[in-house]
């Protein structure tokens, strides 16, 4: 039997590169620090772990049953893009106005790790859509499914490393730097949100699915 029957290296490379570009591990660091940069090291580590696990769970769920879920609910990719864009826009406004940093309860840390870090920032419409496309490309081949699974895990490992060791950045930029970073991250998130909503509108105009 050919090696491709057990592992599709081409699909692995393609999926890994695509997911890394879409999920942008280095780009998540400013948002991560703006949300939990003022927290203790242990809290930041827990938030990084929870965010990555949530994203991995969501992406894996859509890899296994994404097409069936969307078809059953009658939801298209444009709808996912619109919902994700609006949610990110709310978070961006919080970062820009400074209204998202005052509560200090542990529950907030968990919520931040789940939303917006875990989803829709990491496991967003783009990553979900790309995963569904790669599942279609796998077309029932075991080696392709194994390659895609490893690509998803590898991407999330890279994201975790970037978040987990973001404390190095904190030591360099200090408290004032985190405040500035929050504003920049808010602006970038707002731009991403607008782009998602625009893509959603274009998708609906083009046909909806």
N, C-alpha and C. Protein backbone atom coordinates (compact mmCIF):
# COMPACT_ATOMS: atom_id res chain seq x y z
N UNK A 1 0.84 -1.20 0.00
CA UNK A 1 0.00 0.00 0.00
C UNK A 1 0.88 1.26 0.00
N UNK A 2 0.44 2.30 -0.67
CA UNK A 2 1.19 3.55 -0.75
C UNK A 2 1.13 4.30 0.57
N UNK A 3 2.15 5.14 0.77
CA UNK A 3 2.19 5.95 1.99
C UNK A 3 0.97 6.85 2.07
N UNK A 4 0.51 7.34 0.93
CA UNK A 4 -0.65 8.25 0.91
C UNK A 4 -1.91 7.59 1.44
N UNK A 5 -1.93 6.22 1.44
CA UNK A 5 -3.09 5.53 1.99
C UNK A 5 -3.16 5.69 3.50
N UNK A 6 -1.99 5.93 4.13
CA UNK A 6 -1.95 6.10 5.58
C UNK A 6 -1.80 7.56 6.00
N UNK A 7 -1.18 8.36 5.11
CA UNK A 7 -0.95 9.77 5.45
C UNK A 7 -0.78 10.58 4.18
N UNK A 8 -1.66 11.56 4.00
CA UNK A 8 -1.62 12.43 2.81
C UNK A 8 -0.79 13.67 3.16
N UNK A 9 0.49 13.62 2.82
CA UNK A 9 1.41 14.70 3.18
C UNK A 9 1.03 16.02 2.50
N UNK A 10 0.57 15.93 1.25
CA UNK A 10 0.19 17.15 0.52
C UNK A 10 -0.98 17.85 1.20
N UNK A 11 -1.99 17.08 1.60
CA UNK A 11 -3.14 17.68 2.28
C UNK A 11 -2.73 18.22 3.64
N UNK A 12 -1.83 17.52 4.32
CA UNK A 12 -1.35 17.98 5.63
C UNK A 12 -0.69 19.35 5.50
N UNK A 13 0.22 19.51 4.52
CA UNK A 13 0.90 20.78 4.34
C UNK A 13 -0.08 21.87 3.94
N UNK A 14 -0.97 21.55 3.03
CA UNK A 14 -1.93 22.54 2.55
C UNK A 14 -2.86 22.99 3.68
N UNK A 15 -3.38 22.03 4.46
CA UNK A 15 -4.31 22.36 5.55
C UNK A 15 -3.60 23.12 6.66
N UNK A 16 -2.39 22.70 6.99
CA UNK A 16 -1.65 23.37 8.07
C UNK A 16 -1.35 24.82 7.71
N UNK A 17 -0.83 25.03 6.51
CA UNK A 17 -0.50 26.40 6.08
C UNK A 17 -1.76 27.26 6.02
N UNK A 18 -2.82 26.71 5.47
CA UNK A 18 -4.07 27.47 5.34
C UNK A 18 -4.62 27.86 6.70
N UNK A 19 -4.68 26.90 7.62
CA UNK A 19 -5.24 27.17 8.95
C UNK A 19 -4.36 28.13 9.75
N UNK A 20 -3.04 27.99 9.62
CA UNK A 20 -2.14 28.91 10.33
C UNK A 20 -2.32 30.33 9.81
N UNK A 21 -2.46 30.47 8.49
CA UNK A 21 -2.66 31.81 7.91
C UNK A 21 -4.00 32.40 8.36
N UNK A 22 -5.04 31.58 8.32
CA UNK A 22 -6.37 32.08 8.68
C UNK A 22 -6.46 32.39 10.18
N UNK A 23 -5.98 31.47 11.02
CA UNK A 23 -6.10 31.64 12.46
C UNK A 23 -5.03 32.57 13.03
N UNK A 24 -3.93 32.75 12.29
CA UNK A 24 -2.92 33.78 12.58
C UNK A 24 -2.43 33.74 14.03
N UNK A 25 -1.68 32.70 14.44
CA UNK A 25 -1.20 32.61 15.83
C UNK A 25 -0.49 33.86 16.34
N UNK A 26 0.49 34.45 15.60
CA UNK A 26 1.13 35.67 16.11
C UNK A 26 0.13 36.82 16.28
N UNK A 27 -0.86 36.87 15.37
CA UNK A 27 -1.84 37.95 15.43
C UNK A 27 -2.79 37.85 16.61
N UNK A 28 -2.90 36.65 17.20
CA UNK A 28 -3.78 36.49 18.37
C UNK A 28 -3.13 37.04 19.64
N UNK A 29 -1.81 37.18 19.62
CA UNK A 29 -1.11 37.61 20.84
C UNK A 29 -1.55 38.99 21.31
N UNK A 30 -1.64 40.02 20.43
CA UNK A 30 -2.09 41.32 20.92
C UNK A 30 -3.48 41.28 21.54
N UNK A 31 -4.40 40.55 20.93
CA UNK A 31 -5.76 40.45 21.48
C UNK A 31 -5.73 39.70 22.81
N UNK A 32 -4.97 38.62 22.85
CA UNK A 32 -4.84 37.83 24.07
C UNK A 32 -4.30 38.67 25.22
N UNK A 33 -3.25 39.45 24.94
CA UNK A 33 -2.66 40.29 25.98
C UNK A 33 -3.58 41.43 26.38
N UNK A 34 -4.33 41.96 25.42
CA UNK A 34 -5.24 43.07 25.75
C UNK A 34 -6.36 42.60 26.67
N UNK A 35 -6.70 41.31 26.60
CA UNK A 35 -7.80 40.77 27.41
C UNK A 35 -7.32 40.22 28.75
N UNK A 36 -6.15 39.56 28.77
CA UNK A 36 -5.71 38.92 30.02
C UNK A 36 -4.28 39.31 30.40
N UNK A 37 -3.71 40.31 29.73
CA UNK A 37 -2.33 40.69 30.00
C UNK A 37 -2.09 41.18 31.42
N UNK A 38 -3.12 41.70 32.08
CA UNK A 38 -2.96 42.20 33.43
C UNK A 38 -3.19 41.12 34.49
N UNK A 39 -3.54 39.94 34.06
CA UNK A 39 -3.82 38.84 34.99
C UNK A 39 -2.52 38.16 35.42
N UNK A 40 -2.57 37.41 36.53
CA UNK A 40 -1.38 36.64 36.95
C UNK A 40 -0.98 35.62 35.90
N UNK A 41 0.26 35.15 36.00
CA UNK A 41 0.80 34.19 35.03
C UNK A 41 -0.06 32.94 34.95
N UNK A 42 -0.46 32.43 36.12
CA UNK A 42 -1.27 31.21 36.14
C UNK A 42 -2.60 31.40 35.42
N UNK A 43 -3.19 32.58 35.58
CA UNK A 43 -4.47 32.88 34.93
C UNK A 43 -4.29 32.98 33.42
N UNK A 44 -3.20 33.61 32.99
CA UNK A 44 -2.94 33.70 31.55
C UNK A 44 -2.72 32.32 30.95
N UNK A 45 -1.99 31.48 31.66
CA UNK A 45 -1.74 30.12 31.17
C UNK A 45 -3.04 29.34 31.06
N UNK A 46 -3.92 29.50 32.06
CA UNK A 46 -5.20 28.79 32.03
C UNK A 46 -6.08 29.31 30.88
N UNK A 47 -6.07 30.62 30.67
CA UNK A 47 -6.87 31.20 29.59
C UNK A 47 -6.37 30.71 28.23
N UNK A 48 -5.03 30.64 28.07
CA UNK A 48 -4.47 30.15 26.81
C UNK A 48 -4.88 28.71 26.57
N UNK A 49 -4.79 27.90 27.61
CA UNK A 49 -5.15 26.48 27.48
C UNK A 49 -6.63 26.31 27.15
N UNK A 50 -7.48 27.05 27.85
CA UNK A 50 -8.92 26.93 27.62
C UNK A 50 -9.31 27.43 26.23
N UNK A 51 -8.72 28.55 25.81
CA UNK A 51 -9.04 29.09 24.48
C UNK A 51 -8.68 28.11 23.38
N UNK A 52 -7.49 27.52 23.49
CA UNK A 52 -7.04 26.57 22.46
C UNK A 52 -7.91 25.31 22.48
N UNK A 53 -8.27 24.83 23.67
CA UNK A 53 -9.10 23.63 23.75
C UNK A 53 -10.49 23.88 23.17
N UNK A 54 -11.05 25.07 23.46
CA UNK A 54 -12.36 25.41 22.90
C UNK A 54 -12.29 25.47 21.38
N UNK A 55 -11.26 26.13 20.87
CA UNK A 55 -11.09 26.23 19.42
C UNK A 55 -10.91 24.85 18.79
N UNK A 56 -10.09 24.02 19.42
CA UNK A 56 -9.86 22.67 18.90
C UNK A 56 -11.15 21.86 18.89
N UNK A 57 -11.95 22.01 19.95
CA UNK A 57 -13.22 21.30 20.03
C UNK A 57 -14.18 21.75 18.93
N UNK A 58 -14.28 23.06 18.73
CA UNK A 58 -15.20 23.60 17.72
C UNK A 58 -14.77 23.19 16.32
N UNK A 59 -13.47 23.35 16.02
CA UNK A 59 -12.97 22.98 14.69
C UNK A 59 -13.15 21.48 14.45
N UNK A 60 -12.86 20.66 15.46
CA UNK A 60 -13.01 19.21 15.33
C UNK A 60 -14.47 18.83 15.11
N UNK A 61 -15.36 19.52 15.82
CA UNK A 61 -16.78 19.24 15.66
C UNK A 61 -17.24 19.52 14.24
N UNK A 62 -16.79 20.65 13.69
CA UNK A 62 -17.19 20.99 12.32
C UNK A 62 -16.47 20.11 11.30
N UNK A 63 -15.29 19.61 11.64
CA UNK A 63 -14.61 18.69 10.74
C UNK A 63 -15.37 17.38 10.64
N UNK A 64 -15.91 16.94 11.77
CA UNK A 64 -16.62 15.65 11.80
C UNK A 64 -18.04 15.78 11.26
N UNK A 65 -18.74 16.84 11.70
CA UNK A 65 -20.17 16.92 11.37
C UNK A 65 -20.59 18.29 10.87
N UNK A 66 -19.64 19.09 10.40
CA UNK A 66 -19.96 20.45 10.00
C UNK A 66 -20.97 20.55 8.88
N UNK A 67 -20.78 19.77 7.84
CA UNK A 67 -21.70 19.84 6.71
C UNK A 67 -23.11 19.42 7.12
N UNK A 68 -23.19 18.38 7.95
CA UNK A 68 -24.50 17.90 8.40
C UNK A 68 -25.17 18.92 9.30
N UNK A 69 -24.40 19.56 10.20
CA UNK A 69 -24.95 20.55 11.13
C UNK A 69 -25.50 21.75 10.36
N UNK A 70 -24.70 22.28 9.45
CA UNK A 70 -25.13 23.45 8.68
C UNK A 70 -26.34 23.13 7.81
N UNK A 71 -26.33 21.94 7.21
CA UNK A 71 -27.47 21.56 6.37
C UNK A 71 -28.73 21.38 7.19
N UNK A 72 -28.60 20.77 8.36
CA UNK A 72 -29.77 20.52 9.22
C UNK A 72 -30.37 21.84 9.71
N UNK A 73 -29.53 22.78 10.09
CA UNK A 73 -30.01 24.07 10.61
C UNK A 73 -30.32 25.06 9.50
N UNK A 74 -29.96 24.71 8.27
CA UNK A 74 -30.19 25.63 7.17
C UNK A 74 -29.32 26.86 7.22
N UNK A 75 -28.09 26.69 7.76
CA UNK A 75 -27.17 27.81 7.92
C UNK A 75 -26.07 27.71 6.87
N UNK A 76 -25.79 28.81 6.21
CA UNK A 76 -24.70 28.85 5.24
C UNK A 76 -23.49 29.53 5.82
N UNK A 77 -22.36 29.44 5.11
CA UNK A 77 -21.13 30.09 5.54
C UNK A 77 -21.31 31.61 5.69
N UNK A 78 -22.07 32.28 4.79
CA UNK A 78 -22.28 33.72 4.98
C UNK A 78 -22.92 34.08 6.31
N UNK A 79 -23.84 33.23 6.77
CA UNK A 79 -24.48 33.49 8.07
C UNK A 79 -23.47 33.37 9.20
N UNK A 80 -22.58 32.36 9.11
CA UNK A 80 -21.53 32.21 10.11
C UNK A 80 -20.60 33.43 10.10
N UNK A 81 -20.26 33.89 8.92
CA UNK A 81 -19.39 35.06 8.81
C UNK A 81 -20.04 36.29 9.42
N UNK A 82 -21.33 36.49 9.16
CA UNK A 82 -22.03 37.64 9.70
C UNK A 82 -22.11 37.60 11.22
N UNK A 83 -22.44 36.43 11.76
CA UNK A 83 -22.54 36.29 13.23
C UNK A 83 -21.18 36.50 13.89
N UNK A 84 -20.16 35.89 13.31
CA UNK A 84 -18.81 36.05 13.87
C UNK A 84 -18.34 37.49 13.79
N UNK A 85 -18.65 38.16 12.68
CA UNK A 85 -18.26 39.55 12.53
C UNK A 85 -18.92 40.46 13.55
N UNK A 86 -20.21 40.26 13.79
CA UNK A 86 -20.92 41.10 14.77
C UNK A 86 -20.39 40.87 16.18
N UNK A 87 -20.09 39.60 16.51
CA UNK A 87 -19.56 39.31 17.84
C UNK A 87 -18.19 39.93 18.03
N UNK A 88 -17.33 39.82 17.02
CA UNK A 88 -16.01 40.43 17.11
C UNK A 88 -16.10 41.95 17.20
N UNK A 89 -17.10 42.53 16.53
CA UNK A 89 -17.26 43.98 16.58
C UNK A 89 -17.60 44.45 17.99
N UNK A 90 -18.43 43.67 18.69
CA UNK A 90 -18.76 44.01 20.08
C UNK A 90 -17.51 43.99 20.96
N UNK A 91 -16.68 42.95 20.78
CA UNK A 91 -15.45 42.86 21.56
C UNK A 91 -14.50 44.00 21.21
N UNK A 92 -14.43 44.34 19.93
CA UNK A 92 -13.56 45.44 19.50
C UNK A 92 -13.98 46.76 20.14
N UNK A 93 -15.28 46.99 20.21
CA UNK A 93 -15.77 48.23 20.84
C UNK A 93 -15.41 48.27 22.33
N UNK A 94 -15.46 47.11 22.99
CA UNK A 94 -15.06 47.05 24.40
C UNK A 94 -13.59 47.41 24.56
N UNK A 95 -12.75 46.88 23.69
CA UNK A 95 -11.31 47.17 23.77
C UNK A 95 -11.03 48.64 23.48
N UNK A 96 -11.72 49.20 22.50
CA UNK A 96 -11.48 50.59 22.11
C UNK A 96 -11.95 51.58 23.16
N UNK A 97 -13.05 51.24 23.84
CA UNK A 97 -13.60 52.16 24.85
C UNK A 97 -13.06 51.87 26.25
N UNK A 98 -12.35 50.73 26.40
CA UNK A 98 -11.78 50.40 27.71
C UNK A 98 -12.78 49.86 28.68
N UNK A 99 -13.95 49.43 28.21
CA UNK A 99 -15.00 48.96 29.12
C UNK A 99 -14.91 47.48 29.39
N UNK A 100 -13.92 46.80 28.81
CA UNK A 100 -13.88 45.36 28.96
C UNK A 100 -12.89 44.86 29.98
N UNK A 101 -12.23 45.76 30.78
CA UNK A 101 -11.17 45.31 31.66
C UNK A 101 -11.49 45.44 33.14
N UNK A 102 -12.63 45.97 33.49
CA UNK A 102 -12.86 46.26 34.89
C UNK A 102 -13.21 45.05 35.73
N UNK A 103 -14.10 44.15 35.36
CA UNK A 103 -14.41 43.01 36.19
C UNK A 103 -13.18 42.13 36.36
N UNK A 104 -12.96 41.66 37.58
CA UNK A 104 -11.78 40.86 37.88
C UNK A 104 -12.13 39.46 38.34
N UNK A 105 -13.37 39.08 38.26
CA UNK A 105 -13.77 37.77 38.76
C UNK A 105 -13.18 36.66 37.91
N UNK A 106 -13.01 35.49 38.55
CA UNK A 106 -12.45 34.34 37.84
C UNK A 106 -13.36 33.91 36.72
N UNK A 107 -14.67 34.10 36.90
CA UNK A 107 -15.61 33.69 35.85
C UNK A 107 -15.36 34.46 34.57
N UNK A 108 -14.93 35.72 34.72
CA UNK A 108 -14.65 36.52 33.52
C UNK A 108 -13.49 35.92 32.74
N UNK A 109 -12.46 35.43 33.46
CA UNK A 109 -11.32 34.84 32.79
C UNK A 109 -11.75 33.66 31.93
N UNK A 110 -12.64 32.85 32.49
CA UNK A 110 -13.13 31.69 31.76
C UNK A 110 -13.92 32.15 30.54
N UNK A 111 -14.81 33.15 30.72
CA UNK A 111 -15.63 33.63 29.62
C UNK A 111 -14.77 34.22 28.50
N UNK A 112 -13.73 34.96 28.87
CA UNK A 112 -12.83 35.54 27.87
C UNK A 112 -12.13 34.44 27.08
N UNK A 113 -11.75 33.36 27.76
CA UNK A 113 -11.09 32.25 27.08
C UNK A 113 -12.04 31.57 26.10
N UNK A 114 -13.31 31.51 26.48
CA UNK A 114 -14.29 30.87 25.60
C UNK A 114 -14.69 31.81 24.47
N UNK A 115 -15.09 33.02 24.84
CA UNK A 115 -15.51 34.05 23.88
C UNK A 115 -14.87 35.36 24.31
N UNK A 116 -14.09 36.04 23.50
CA UNK A 116 -13.94 35.83 22.06
C UNK A 116 -12.71 35.01 21.65
N UNK A 117 -11.85 34.59 22.61
CA UNK A 117 -10.61 33.95 22.21
C UNK A 117 -10.84 32.61 21.52
N UNK A 118 -11.51 31.68 22.22
CA UNK A 118 -11.73 30.36 21.65
C UNK A 118 -12.53 30.42 20.36
N UNK A 119 -13.61 31.15 20.42
CA UNK A 119 -14.45 31.39 19.26
C UNK A 119 -15.13 32.75 19.45
N UNK A 120 -15.20 33.60 18.46
CA UNK A 120 -14.88 33.36 17.05
C UNK A 120 -13.48 33.80 16.61
N UNK A 121 -12.60 34.23 17.55
CA UNK A 121 -11.29 34.71 17.12
C UNK A 121 -10.45 33.58 16.52
N UNK A 122 -10.36 32.46 17.23
CA UNK A 122 -9.60 31.32 16.72
C UNK A 122 -10.47 30.44 15.82
N UNK A 123 -11.48 29.84 16.40
CA UNK A 123 -12.39 29.00 15.61
C UNK A 123 -13.47 29.88 15.01
N UNK A 124 -13.06 30.68 14.04
CA UNK A 124 -13.99 31.60 13.41
C UNK A 124 -14.54 31.05 12.11
N UNK A 125 -15.35 31.83 11.43
CA UNK A 125 -15.97 31.38 10.17
C UNK A 125 -14.96 30.94 9.13
N UNK A 126 -13.84 31.66 9.03
CA UNK A 126 -12.83 31.30 8.04
C UNK A 126 -12.23 29.94 8.29
N UNK A 127 -11.84 29.69 9.55
CA UNK A 127 -11.24 28.40 9.90
C UNK A 127 -12.26 27.27 9.74
N UNK A 128 -13.50 27.52 10.13
CA UNK A 128 -14.55 26.51 10.01
C UNK A 128 -14.81 26.18 8.54
N UNK A 129 -14.92 27.23 7.71
CA UNK A 129 -15.18 27.01 6.28
C UNK A 129 -14.02 26.26 5.63
N UNK A 130 -12.78 26.63 5.98
CA UNK A 130 -11.61 25.95 5.42
C UNK A 130 -11.59 24.48 5.82
N UNK A 131 -11.93 24.21 7.08
CA UNK A 131 -11.95 22.83 7.55
C UNK A 131 -12.97 22.00 6.80
N UNK A 132 -14.15 22.56 6.60
CA UNK A 132 -15.20 21.83 5.85
C UNK A 132 -14.75 21.56 4.42
N UNK A 133 -14.06 22.53 3.81
CA UNK A 133 -13.56 22.34 2.45
C UNK A 133 -12.54 21.21 2.40
N UNK A 134 -11.63 21.17 3.38
CA UNK A 134 -10.62 20.11 3.41
C UNK A 134 -11.23 18.74 3.67
N UNK A 135 -12.29 18.71 4.46
CA UNK A 135 -13.00 17.43 4.67
C UNK A 135 -13.58 16.94 3.36
N UNK A 136 -14.12 17.86 2.57
CA UNK A 136 -14.66 17.49 1.26
C UNK A 136 -13.55 16.96 0.35
N UNK A 137 -12.38 17.59 0.44
CA UNK A 137 -11.25 17.16 -0.38
C UNK A 137 -10.77 15.76 0.03
N UNK A 138 -10.88 15.45 1.33
CA UNK A 138 -10.44 14.13 1.81
C UNK A 138 -11.24 13.02 1.14
N UNK A 139 -12.53 13.27 0.91
CA UNK A 139 -13.37 12.38 0.12
C UNK A 139 -13.29 10.92 0.56
N UNK A 140 -13.32 10.69 1.87
CA UNK A 140 -13.41 9.33 2.37
C UNK A 140 -12.10 8.59 2.50
N UNK A 141 -10.97 9.20 2.15
CA UNK A 141 -9.68 8.54 2.25
C UNK A 141 -9.12 8.65 3.67
N UNK A 142 -8.79 7.50 4.26
CA UNK A 142 -8.32 7.47 5.65
C UNK A 142 -7.05 8.29 5.82
N UNK A 143 -6.10 8.16 4.88
CA UNK A 143 -4.86 8.91 4.97
C UNK A 143 -5.08 10.41 4.96
N UNK A 144 -6.06 10.87 4.20
CA UNK A 144 -6.38 12.29 4.14
C UNK A 144 -7.00 12.78 5.44
N UNK A 145 -7.87 11.94 6.02
CA UNK A 145 -8.48 12.31 7.30
C UNK A 145 -7.42 12.41 8.41
N UNK A 146 -6.47 11.46 8.41
CA UNK A 146 -5.40 11.49 9.41
C UNK A 146 -4.55 12.76 9.23
N UNK A 147 -4.24 13.08 7.98
CA UNK A 147 -3.45 14.29 7.69
C UNK A 147 -4.17 15.55 8.16
N UNK A 148 -5.47 15.63 7.90
CA UNK A 148 -6.24 16.80 8.31
C UNK A 148 -6.31 16.92 9.83
N UNK A 149 -6.49 15.78 10.50
CA UNK A 149 -6.53 15.80 11.97
C UNK A 149 -5.21 16.29 12.55
N UNK A 150 -4.10 15.81 12.00
CA UNK A 150 -2.79 16.26 12.47
C UNK A 150 -2.56 17.74 12.16
N UNK A 151 -3.06 18.20 11.03
CA UNK A 151 -2.92 19.61 10.67
C UNK A 151 -3.67 20.50 11.67
N UNK A 152 -4.86 20.07 12.05
CA UNK A 152 -5.65 20.83 13.02
C UNK A 152 -4.95 20.89 14.37
N UNK A 153 -4.43 19.73 14.81
CA UNK A 153 -3.72 19.67 16.09
C UNK A 153 -2.45 20.51 16.04
N UNK A 154 -1.70 20.42 14.96
CA UNK A 154 -0.46 21.18 14.82
C UNK A 154 -0.72 22.68 14.86
N UNK A 155 -1.75 23.12 14.17
CA UNK A 155 -2.09 24.55 14.16
C UNK A 155 -2.42 25.04 15.56
N UNK A 156 -3.19 24.27 16.30
CA UNK A 156 -3.56 24.67 17.66
C UNK A 156 -2.37 24.62 18.61
N UNK A 157 -1.43 23.73 18.36
CA UNK A 157 -0.22 23.69 19.18
C UNK A 157 0.58 24.98 18.99
N UNK A 158 0.69 25.42 17.75
CA UNK A 158 1.41 26.67 17.46
C UNK A 158 0.71 27.85 18.13
N UNK A 159 -0.61 27.87 18.08
CA UNK A 159 -1.38 28.94 18.72
C UNK A 159 -1.14 28.94 20.23
N UNK A 160 -1.15 27.75 20.82
CA UNK A 160 -0.94 27.64 22.27
C UNK A 160 0.44 28.17 22.67
N UNK A 161 1.46 27.81 21.91
CA UNK A 161 2.81 28.27 22.21
C UNK A 161 2.88 29.79 22.17
N UNK A 162 2.26 30.38 21.14
CA UNK A 162 2.26 31.85 21.01
C UNK A 162 1.57 32.51 22.20
N UNK A 163 0.44 31.96 22.62
CA UNK A 163 -0.30 32.54 23.75
C UNK A 163 0.40 32.28 25.08
N UNK A 164 0.85 31.04 25.24
CA UNK A 164 1.41 30.62 26.53
C UNK A 164 2.64 31.43 26.89
N UNK A 165 3.45 31.75 25.90
CA UNK A 165 4.70 32.46 26.18
C UNK A 165 4.63 33.92 25.77
N UNK A 166 3.42 34.46 25.78
CA UNK A 166 3.25 35.88 25.48
C UNK A 166 3.72 36.76 26.64
N UNK A 167 4.02 36.13 27.79
CA UNK A 167 4.53 36.88 28.94
C UNK A 167 5.83 37.59 28.62
N UNK A 168 6.60 37.07 27.68
CA UNK A 168 7.84 37.73 27.26
C UNK A 168 7.52 39.12 26.71
N UNK A 169 6.41 39.19 25.95
CA UNK A 169 6.00 40.48 25.40
C UNK A 169 5.60 41.44 26.52
N UNK A 170 4.90 40.90 27.53
CA UNK A 170 4.46 41.73 28.66
C UNK A 170 5.64 42.37 29.37
N UNK A 171 6.71 41.59 29.56
CA UNK A 171 7.88 42.13 30.26
C UNK A 171 8.54 43.25 29.46
N UNK A 172 8.34 43.24 28.17
CA UNK A 172 8.95 44.26 27.32
C UNK A 172 8.11 45.54 27.25
N UNK A 173 6.78 45.38 27.16
CA UNK A 173 5.94 46.56 26.90
C UNK A 173 5.34 47.17 28.16
N UNK A 174 5.35 46.43 29.27
CA UNK A 174 4.85 46.93 30.56
C UNK A 174 3.35 47.27 30.50
N UNK A 175 2.85 47.88 31.58
CA UNK A 175 1.42 48.19 31.73
C UNK A 175 0.93 49.17 30.66
N UNK A 176 1.69 50.23 30.43
CA UNK A 176 1.26 51.23 29.44
C UNK A 176 1.22 50.62 28.05
N UNK A 177 2.13 49.71 27.79
CA UNK A 177 2.14 49.05 26.50
C UNK A 177 0.92 48.18 26.28
N UNK A 178 0.46 47.52 27.37
CA UNK A 178 -0.74 46.69 27.27
C UNK A 178 -1.95 47.54 26.94
N UNK A 179 -2.03 48.72 27.57
CA UNK A 179 -3.14 49.63 27.28
C UNK A 179 -3.14 50.05 25.82
N UNK A 180 -1.96 50.41 25.31
CA UNK A 180 -1.84 50.78 23.90
C UNK A 180 -2.19 49.60 23.00
N UNK A 181 -1.72 48.41 23.40
CA UNK A 181 -1.97 47.20 22.62
C UNK A 181 -3.46 46.91 22.53
N UNK A 182 -4.17 47.18 23.63
CA UNK A 182 -5.62 46.94 23.64
C UNK A 182 -6.32 47.81 22.59
N UNK A 183 -5.87 49.07 22.47
CA UNK A 183 -6.48 49.96 21.48
C UNK A 183 -6.19 49.49 20.05
N UNK A 184 -4.92 49.10 19.83
CA UNK A 184 -4.54 48.62 18.50
C UNK A 184 -5.29 47.33 18.16
N UNK A 185 -5.35 46.42 19.15
CA UNK A 185 -6.06 45.16 18.94
C UNK A 185 -7.54 45.41 18.66
N UNK A 186 -8.11 46.38 19.37
CA UNK A 186 -9.52 46.72 19.14
C UNK A 186 -9.75 47.22 17.73
N UNK A 187 -8.83 48.05 17.24
CA UNK A 187 -8.94 48.58 15.87
C UNK A 187 -8.82 47.44 14.85
N UNK A 188 -7.85 46.54 15.08
CA UNK A 188 -7.67 45.42 14.16
C UNK A 188 -8.87 44.48 14.18
N UNK A 189 -9.40 44.22 15.38
CA UNK A 189 -10.58 43.36 15.49
C UNK A 189 -11.77 43.98 14.78
N UNK A 190 -11.92 45.30 14.93
CA UNK A 190 -13.02 45.99 14.26
C UNK A 190 -12.90 45.84 12.75
N UNK A 191 -11.67 45.96 12.23
CA UNK A 191 -11.46 45.81 10.79
C UNK A 191 -11.79 44.38 10.34
N UNK A 192 -11.35 43.39 11.15
CA UNK A 192 -11.66 42.00 10.82
C UNK A 192 -13.17 41.78 10.84
N UNK A 193 -13.83 42.37 11.83
CA UNK A 193 -15.28 42.22 11.95
C UNK A 193 -16.00 42.80 10.75
N UNK A 194 -15.59 43.99 10.33
CA UNK A 194 -16.22 44.63 9.17
C UNK A 194 -16.00 43.78 7.92
N UNK A 195 -14.79 43.22 7.78
CA UNK A 195 -14.49 42.37 6.61
C UNK A 195 -15.37 41.12 6.61
N UNK A 196 -15.57 40.53 7.80
CA UNK A 196 -16.43 39.34 7.90
C UNK A 196 -17.87 39.68 7.51
N UNK A 197 -18.36 40.80 8.01
CA UNK A 197 -19.72 41.20 7.69
C UNK A 197 -19.85 41.50 6.20
N UNK A 198 -18.83 42.16 5.63
CA UNK A 198 -18.85 42.47 4.19
C UNK A 198 -18.85 41.18 3.37
N UNK A 199 -18.02 40.21 3.77
CA UNK A 199 -17.99 38.92 3.08
C UNK A 199 -19.33 38.20 3.21
N UNK A 200 -19.95 38.36 4.38
CA UNK A 200 -21.26 37.75 4.61
C UNK A 200 -22.29 38.33 3.65
N UNK A 201 -22.30 39.65 3.52
CA UNK A 201 -23.25 40.32 2.62
C UNK A 201 -22.99 39.88 1.17
N UNK A 202 -21.71 39.84 0.78
CA UNK A 202 -21.39 39.39 -0.58
C UNK A 202 -21.83 37.95 -0.81
N UNK A 203 -21.65 37.12 0.23
CA UNK A 203 -22.06 35.73 0.11
C UNK A 203 -23.55 35.58 -0.07
N UNK A 204 -24.33 36.36 0.69
CA UNK A 204 -25.78 36.32 0.57
C UNK A 204 -26.22 36.80 -0.81
N UNK A 205 -25.58 37.85 -1.30
CA UNK A 205 -25.93 38.38 -2.63
C UNK A 205 -25.61 37.35 -3.73
N UNK A 206 -24.45 36.66 -3.53
CA UNK A 206 -24.01 35.69 -4.54
C UNK A 206 -24.84 34.41 -4.55
N UNK A 207 -25.50 34.12 -3.45
CA UNK A 207 -26.29 32.89 -3.46
C UNK A 207 -26.60 32.31 -2.10
N UNK A 208 -25.91 32.77 -1.05
CA UNK A 208 -26.28 32.37 0.30
C UNK A 208 -25.57 31.20 0.88
N UNK A 209 -25.05 30.23 0.11
CA UNK A 209 -24.42 29.05 0.67
C UNK A 209 -22.97 28.91 0.22
